[in-house]
Amino acid sequence: MRLLTRAVQCAVSQRESSRRHFWGWLNAVFNKVDYERIQTVGPDRAAAEWLLRCGAKVRFQGLDRWQHDYNALPTGPLDSFKIQGIDATESCIMYRGFDHLDGLQHLEEIKLNRCIYIEDTCLERLSTIENLQQSLLRMEVVSCGNVTDKGLIALHKLTNLERLFLSDLPGIRDRKTTVSRLQTALPKLDISLDLSD
């Protein structure tokens, strides 16, 4: 009986592993950068397509509502819709797709909430994008378990960042030093911490 139970547990474990592998592969496909598409439709449209495909939302400059339906992306002249906000809550965006952000010049806000694929390399990549160093004003990083002090400290390159909200980040080991380093580098930055985590 014990052997049969162990065999059933192994079979279930293998099935779950296969399922996780499939979803990981599919998410990697969704994050693949199509540089030809970026050239054809422009960085904002290509980035919007990537983000919506991965389950995120975007807000275009001049519009109040968040766009979440891939099939309802606005039409018209491609250069008339500029991404101003990204809400990646519970999306599958990952480092592999971050090249989509390179050409965004009007992005002011990013919310990274409960994003299982967001890790230090993502925040490091984000902070090296020249346009974002100038345009990004507000950011949230919440319940992203793979983010550590190293990733947060990299945000010091976002020189115009005004507000940063941090919560439920178990990978942060030295909160006091990390916050101090960010505030030294960015004196105007208002960092809000959810101290209940």
C-alpha atoms as a PDB file:
ATOM      1  CA  MET A   1       0.000   0.000   0.000  1.00  0.00           C
ATOM      2  CA  ARG A   2       2.818   2.376   0.912  1.00  0.00           C
ATOM      3  CA  LEU A   3       4.523   1.685  -2.444  1.00  0.00           C
ATOM      4  CA  LEU A   4       1.300   2.413  -4.339  1.00  0.00           C
ATOM      5  CA  THR A   5       0.839   5.711  -2.451  1.00  0.00           C
ATOM      6  CA  ARG A   6       4.406   6.725  -3.284  1.00  0.00           C
ATOM      7  CA  ALA A   7       3.866   5.840  -6.970  1.00  0.00           C
ATOM      8  CA  VAL A   8       0.708   7.980  -7.084  1.00  0.00           C
ATOM      9  CA  GLN A   9       2.547  10.890  -5.436  1.00  0.00           C
ATOM     10  CA  CYS A  10       5.358  10.623  -8.003  1.00  0.00           C
ATOM     11  CA  ALA A  11       2.876  10.564 -10.895  1.00  0.00           C
ATOM     12  CA  VAL A  12       1.070  13.653  -9.558  1.00  0.00           C
ATOM     13  CA  SER A  13       4.388  15.420  -8.996  1.00  0.00           C
ATOM     14  CA  GLN A  14       5.526  14.667 -12.565  1.00  0.00           C
ATOM     15  CA  ARG A  15       2.221  15.918 -13.977  1.00  0.00           C
ATOM     16  CA  GLU A  16       2.500  19.157 -11.976  1.00  0.00           C
ATOM     17  CA  SER A  17       6.102  19.591 -13.072  1.00  0.00           C
ATOM     18  CA  SER A  18       5.097  19.113 -16.718  1.00  0.00           C
ATOM     19  CA  ARG A  19       2.295  21.646 -16.303  1.00  0.00           C
ATOM     20  CA  ARG A  20       4.669  24.206 -14.730  1.00  0.00           C
ATOM     21  CA  HIS A  21       7.183  23.601 -17.517  1.00  0.00           C
ATOM     22  CA  PHE A  22       4.484  24.142 -20.160  1.00  0.00           C
ATOM     23  CA  TRP A  23       3.300  27.427 -18.596  1.00  0.00           C
ATOM     24  CA  GLY A  24       6.879  28.627 -18.186  1.00  0.00           C
ATOM     25  CA  TRP A  25       7.546  27.870 -21.851  1.00  0.00           C
ATOM     26  CA  LEU A  26       4.321  29.615 -22.944  1.00  0.00           C
ATOM     27  CA  ASN A  27       5.118  32.689 -20.856  1.00  0.00           C
ATOM     28  CA  ALA A  28       8.597  32.822 -22.405  1.00  0.00           C
ATOM     29  CA  VAL A  29       6.968  32.755 -25.857  1.00  0.00           C
ATOM     30  CA  PHE A  30       4.660  35.645 -24.858  1.00  0.00           C
ATOM     31  CA  ASN A  31       7.717  37.647 -23.743  1.00  0.00           C
ATOM     32  CA  LYS A  32       9.764  37.118 -26.909  1.00  0.00           C
ATOM     33  CA  VAL A  33      10.787  40.411 -28.479  1.00  0.00           C
ATOM     34  CA  ASP A  34       9.928  40.880 -32.153  1.00  0.00           C
ATOM     35  CA  TYR A  35      12.286  43.670 -33.216  1.00  0.00           C
ATOM     36  CA  GLU A  36      10.774  43.765 -36.690  1.00  0.00           C
ATOM     37  CA  ARG A  37       7.342  44.412 -35.134  1.00  0.00           C
ATOM     38  CA  ILE A  38       8.804  47.279 -33.075  1.00  0.00           C
ATOM     39  CA  GLN A  39      10.197  48.813 -36.273  1.00  0.00           C
ATOM     40  CA  THR A  40       6.885  48.367 -38.095  1.00  0.00           C
ATOM     41  CA  VAL A  41       4.402  49.679 -35.503  1.00  0.00           C
ATOM     42  CA  GLY A  42       6.637  51.709 -33.199  1.00  0.00           C
ATOM     43  CA  PRO A  43       7.776  51.096 -29.614  1.00  0.00           C
ATOM     44  CA  ASP A  44       4.573  52.128 -27.840  1.00  0.00           C
ATOM     45  CA  ARG A  45       2.257  49.912 -29.882  1.00  0.00           C
ATOM     46  CA  ALA A  46       4.666  46.944 -29.752  1.00  0.00           C
ATOM     47  CA  ALA A  47       5.120  47.368 -25.980  1.00  0.00           C
ATOM     48  CA  ALA A  48       1.345  47.600 -25.477  1.00  0.00           C
ATOM     49  CA  GLU A  49       0.845  44.387 -27.460  1.00  0.00           C
ATOM     50  CA  TRP A  50       3.508  42.614 -25.369  1.00  0.00           C
ATOM     51  CA  LEU A  51       2.106  43.820 -22.070  1.00  0.00           C
ATOM     52  CA  LEU A  52      -1.516  42.935 -22.863  1.00  0.00           C
ATOM     53  CA  ARG A  53      -0.476  39.552 -24.244  1.00  0.00           C
ATOM     54  CA  CYS A  54       1.174  38.878 -20.869  1.00  0.00           C
ATOM     55  CA  GLY A  55      -1.867  39.956 -18.841  1.00  0.00           C
ATOM     56  CA  ALA A  56      -0.775  43.494 -17.929  1.00  0.00           C
ATOM     57  CA  LYS A  57      -2.680  46.745 -18.527  1.00  0.00           C
ATOM     58  CA  VAL A  58      -1.552  50.003 -20.101  1.00  0.00           C
ATOM     59  CA  ARG A  59      -2.773  53.571 -19.921  1.00  0.00           C
ATOM     60  CA  PHE A  60      -2.129  55.812 -22.885  1.00  0.00           C
ATOM     61  CA  GLN A  61      -1.279  59.480 -22.584  1.00  0.00           C
ATOM     62  CA  GLY A  62      -4.427  61.604 -22.600  1.00  0.00           C
ATOM     63  CA  LEU A  63      -6.735  58.700 -21.709  1.00  0.00           C
ATOM     64  CA  ASP A  64      -8.005  58.000 -18.182  1.00  0.00           C
ATOM     65  CA  ARG A  65      -8.928  54.342 -18.514  1.00  0.00           C
ATOM     66  CA  TRP A  66      -6.593  51.372 -18.371  1.00  0.00           C
ATOM     67  CA  GLN A  67      -6.486  49.270 -21.536  1.00  0.00           C
ATOM     68  CA  HIS A  68      -6.596  45.527 -20.794  1.00  0.00           C
ATOM     69  CA  ASP A  69      -8.161  44.003 -23.910  1.00  0.00           C
ATOM     70  CA  TYR A  70      -5.623  43.141 -26.605  1.00  0.00           C
ATOM     71  CA  ASN A  71      -8.329  43.125 -29.266  1.00  0.00           C
ATOM     72  CA  ALA A  72      -9.499  46.618 -28.305  1.00  0.00           C
ATOM     73  CA  LEU A  73      -6.179  48.413 -28.650  1.00  0.00           C
ATOM     74  CA  PRO A  74      -6.815  51.855 -30.159  1.00  0.00           C
ATOM     75  CA  THR A  75      -6.420  52.225 -33.882  1.00  0.00           C
ATOM     76  CA  GLY A  76      -5.321  55.238 -35.837  1.00  0.00           C
ATOM     77  CA  PRO A  77      -1.937  56.802 -36.455  1.00  0.00           C
ATOM     78  CA  LEU A  78       0.587  54.600 -34.651  1.00  0.00           C
ATOM     79  CA  ASP A  79       2.529  57.502 -33.208  1.00  0.00           C
ATOM     80  CA  SER A  80      -0.542  59.070 -31.547  1.00  0.00           C
ATOM     81  CA  PHE A  81      -0.808  56.590 -28.639  1.00  0.00           C
ATOM     82  CA  LYS A  82       2.014  56.860 -26.120  1.00  0.00           C
ATOM     83  CA  ILE A  83       2.161  54.618 -23.051  1.00  0.00           C
ATOM     84  CA  GLN A  84       2.033  56.664 -19.852  1.00  0.00           C
ATOM     85  CA  GLY A  85       1.312  53.906 -17.329  1.00  0.00           C
ATOM     86  CA  ILE A  86       1.873  50.151 -16.955  1.00  0.00           C
ATOM     87  CA  ASP A  87       0.001  48.010 -14.443  1.00  0.00           C
ATOM     88  CA  ALA A  88       1.638  44.590 -14.569  1.00  0.00           C
ATOM     89  CA  THR A  89      -0.291  43.199 -11.589  1.00  0.00           C
ATOM     90  CA  GLU A  90      -0.295  39.378 -11.697  1.00  0.00           C
ATOM     91  CA  SER A  91       1.057  39.395 -15.241  1.00  0.00           C
ATOM     92  CA  CYS A  92       3.671  37.058 -16.694  1.00  0.00           C
ATOM     93  CA  ILE A  93       6.098  39.761 -17.871  1.00  0.00           C
ATOM     94  CA  MET A  94       9.701  38.685 -17.490  1.00  0.00           C
ATOM     95  CA  TYR A  95      13.212  39.908 -18.214  1.00  0.00           C
ATOM     96  CA  ARG A  96      13.143  38.433 -21.701  1.00  0.00           C
ATOM     97  CA  GLY A  97      10.533  41.003 -22.791  1.00  0.00           C
ATOM     98  CA  PHE A  98      12.026  44.125 -21.242  1.00  0.00           C
ATOM     99  CA  ASP A  99      13.599  45.248 -24.538  1.00  0.00           C
ATOM    100  CA  HIS A 100      10.048  46.321 -25.435  1.00  0.00           C
ATOM    101  CA  LEU A 101      10.480  49.226 -23.003  1.00  0.00           C
ATOM    102  CA  ASP A 102      13.502  50.721 -24.786  1.00  0.00           C
ATOM    103  CA  GLY A 103      11.652  53.235 -26.966  1.00  0.00           C
ATOM    104  CA  LEU A 104       9.045  54.420 -24.461  1.00  0.00           C
ATOM    105  CA  GLN A 105       9.518  58.132 -23.839  1.00  0.00           C
ATOM    106  CA  HIS A 106       6.348  59.048 -21.923  1.00  0.00           C
ATOM    107  CA  LEU A 107       6.165  56.269 -19.328  1.00  0.00           C
ATOM    108  CA  GLU A 108       5.573  57.814 -15.880  1.00  0.00           C
ATOM    109  CA  GLU A 109       4.210  54.925 -13.800  1.00  0.00           C
ATOM    110  CA  ILE A 110       4.893  51.199 -13.390  1.00  0.00           C
ATOM    111  CA  LYS A 111       3.128  48.817 -11.004  1.00  0.00           C
ATOM    112  CA  LEU A 112       4.829  45.470 -10.458  1.00  0.00           C
ATOM    113  CA  ASN A 113       2.434  43.694  -8.098  1.00  0.00           C
ATOM    114  CA  ARG A 114       2.461  39.936  -7.556  1.00  0.00           C
ATOM    115  CA  CYS A 115       4.629  39.300 -10.625  1.00  0.00           C
ATOM    116  CA  ILE A 116       6.259  35.894 -10.187  1.00  0.00           C
ATOM    117  CA  TYR A 117       8.838  36.420 -12.944  1.00  0.00           C
ATOM    118  CA  ILE A 118      10.061  39.836 -11.788  1.00  0.00           C
ATOM    119  CA  GLU A 119      13.548  39.571 -10.306  1.00  0.00           C
ATOM    120  CA  ASP A 120      16.621  41.718  -9.761  1.00  0.00           C
ATOM    121  CA  THR A 121      17.711  41.523 -13.406  1.00  0.00           C
ATOM    122  CA  CYS A 122      14.368  43.050 -14.434  1.00  0.00           C
ATOM    123  CA  LEU A 123      14.791  46.048 -12.134  1.00  0.00           C
ATOM    124  CA  GLU A 124      18.425  46.412 -13.192  1.00  0.00           C
ATOM    125  CA  ARG A 125      17.395  46.370 -16.869  1.00  0.00           C
ATOM    126  CA  LEU A 126      14.570  48.831 -16.225  1.00  0.00           C
ATOM    127  CA  SER A 127      16.947  51.264 -14.545  1.00  0.00           C
ATOM    128  CA  THR A 128      19.387  51.254 -17.480  1.00  0.00           C
ATOM    129  CA  ILE A 129      16.818  52.325 -20.083  1.00  0.00           C
ATOM    130  CA  GLU A 130      17.761  55.933 -20.800  1.00  0.00           C
ATOM    131  CA  ASN A 131      14.261  57.180 -21.621  1.00  0.00           C
ATOM    132  CA  LEU A 132      12.881  55.729 -18.379  1.00  0.00           C
ATOM    133  CA  GLN A 133      15.663  57.300 -16.337  1.00  0.00           C
ATOM    134  CA  GLN A 134      14.106  60.622 -17.315  1.00  0.00           C
ATOM    135  CA  SER A 135      10.364  59.891 -17.565  1.00  0.00           C
ATOM    136  CA  LEU A 136       9.556  57.430 -14.763  1.00  0.00           C
ATOM    137  CA  LEU A 137       7.993  59.187 -11.745  1.00  0.00           C
ATOM    138  CA  ARG A 138       6.067  56.522  -9.784  1.00  0.00           C
ATOM    139  CA  MET A 139       6.687  52.858  -9.149  1.00  0.00           C
ATOM    140  CA  GLU A 140       5.272  50.029  -7.046  1.00  0.00           C
ATOM    141  CA  VAL A 141       6.989  46.733  -6.258  1.00  0.00           C
ATOM    142  CA  VAL A 142       4.670  44.498  -4.236  1.00  0.00           C
ATOM    143  CA  SER A 143       4.779  40.757  -3.524  1.00  0.00           C
ATOM    144  CA  CYS A 144       7.555  40.011  -6.001  1.00  0.00           C
ATOM    145  CA  GLY A 145       9.363  37.228  -4.159  1.00  0.00           C
ATOM    146  CA  ASN A 146      12.460  37.196  -6.379  1.00  0.00           C
ATOM    147  CA  VAL A 147      13.377  40.853  -5.780  1.00  0.00           C
ATOM    148  CA  THR A 148      16.261  41.441  -3.379  1.00  0.00           C
ATOM    149  CA  ASP A 149      18.131  44.465  -2.049  1.00  0.00           C
ATOM    150  CA  LYS A 150      20.364  44.371  -5.140  1.00  0.00           C
ATOM    151  CA  GLY A 151      17.412  44.907  -7.486  1.00  0.00           C
ATOM    152  CA  LEU A 152      15.965  47.773  -5.470  1.00  0.00           C
ATOM    153  CA  ILE A 153      19.305  49.542  -5.163  1.00  0.00           C
ATOM    154  CA  ALA A 154      19.603  49.475  -8.973  1.00  0.00           C
ATOM    155  CA  LEU A 155      16.602  51.818  -9.118  1.00  0.00           C
ATOM    156  CA  HIS A 156      18.874  54.689  -8.047  1.00  0.00           C
ATOM    157  CA  LYS A 157      19.513  55.315 -11.765  1.00  0.00           C
ATOM    158  CA  LEU A 158      15.884  56.432 -12.254  1.00  0.00           C
ATOM    159  CA  THR A 159      16.845  60.016 -11.491  1.00  0.00           C
ATOM    160  CA  ASN A 160      13.349  61.551 -11.682  1.00  0.00           C
ATOM    161  CA  LEU A 161      11.598  58.895  -9.603  1.00  0.00           C
ATOM    162  CA  GLU A 162       9.382  60.701  -7.081  1.00  0.00           C
ATOM    163  CA  ARG A 163       7.433  57.888  -5.386  1.00  0.00           C
ATOM    164  CA  LEU A 164       8.295  54.268  -4.689  1.00  0.00           C
ATOM    165  CA  PHE A 165       5.902  51.941  -2.862  1.00  0.00           C
ATOM    166  CA  LEU A 166       7.351  48.688  -1.518  1.00  0.00           C
ATOM    167  CA  SER A 167       5.480  45.892   0.231  1.00  0.00           C
ATOM    168  CA  ASP A 168       5.741  42.156   0.910  1.00  0.00           C
ATOM    169  CA  LEU A 169       9.242  41.630  -0.460  1.00  0.00           C
ATOM    170  CA  PRO A 170      10.682  38.641   1.412  1.00  0.00           C
ATOM    171  CA  GLY A 171      13.960  38.832  -0.536  1.00  0.00           C
ATOM    172  CA  ILE A 172      14.836  42.180   1.073  1.00  0.00           C
ATOM    173  CA  ARG A 173      17.278  41.377   3.849  1.00  0.00           C
ATOM    174  CA  ASP A 174      18.555  44.811   4.865  1.00  0.00           C
ATOM    175  CA  ARG A 175      15.616  47.163   4.406  1.00  0.00           C
ATOM    176  CA  LYS A 176      17.149  50.046   6.361  1.00  0.00           C
ATOM    177  CA  THR A 177      20.406  50.121   4.365  1.00  0.00           C
ATOM    178  CA  THR A 178      18.623  49.658   1.037  1.00  0.00           C
ATOM    179  CA  VAL A 179      16.189  52.508   1.697  1.00  0.00           C
ATOM    180  CA  SER A 180      19.026  54.708   2.957  1.00  0.00           C
ATOM    181  CA  ARG A 181      21.095  54.094  -0.182  1.00  0.00           C
ATOM    182  CA  LEU A 182      18.133  54.911  -2.427  1.00  0.00           C
ATOM    183  CA  GLN A 183      17.301  58.090  -0.548  1.00  0.00           C
ATOM    184  CA  THR A 184      20.936  59.208  -0.584  1.00  0.00           C
ATOM    185  CA  ALA A 185      21.071  58.750  -4.357  1.00  0.00           C
ATOM    186  CA  LEU A 186      17.579  60.227  -4.912  1.00  0.00           C
ATOM    187  CA  PRO A 187      16.940  62.876  -2.233  1.00  0.00           C
ATOM    188  CA  LYS A 188      13.519  63.830  -3.700  1.00  0.00           C
ATOM    189  CA  LEU A 189      12.281  60.225  -3.639  1.00  0.00           C
ATOM    190  CA  ASP A 190       9.355  59.456  -1.323  1.00  0.00           C
ATOM    191  CA  ILE A 191       9.615  55.778  -0.332  1.00  0.00           C
ATOM    192  CA  SER A 192       6.535  54.203   1.220  1.00  0.00           C
ATOM    193  CA  LEU A 193       6.925  50.886   2.992  1.00  0.00           C
ATOM    194  CA  ASP A 194       4.155  48.586   4.124  1.00  0.00           C
ATOM    195  CA  LEU A 195       5.666  47.697   7.477  1.00  0.00           C
ATOM    196  CA  SER A 196       3.178  44.920   8.113  1.00  0.00           C
ATOM    197  CA  ASP A 197       5.126  42.545   5.852  1.00  0.00           C
END
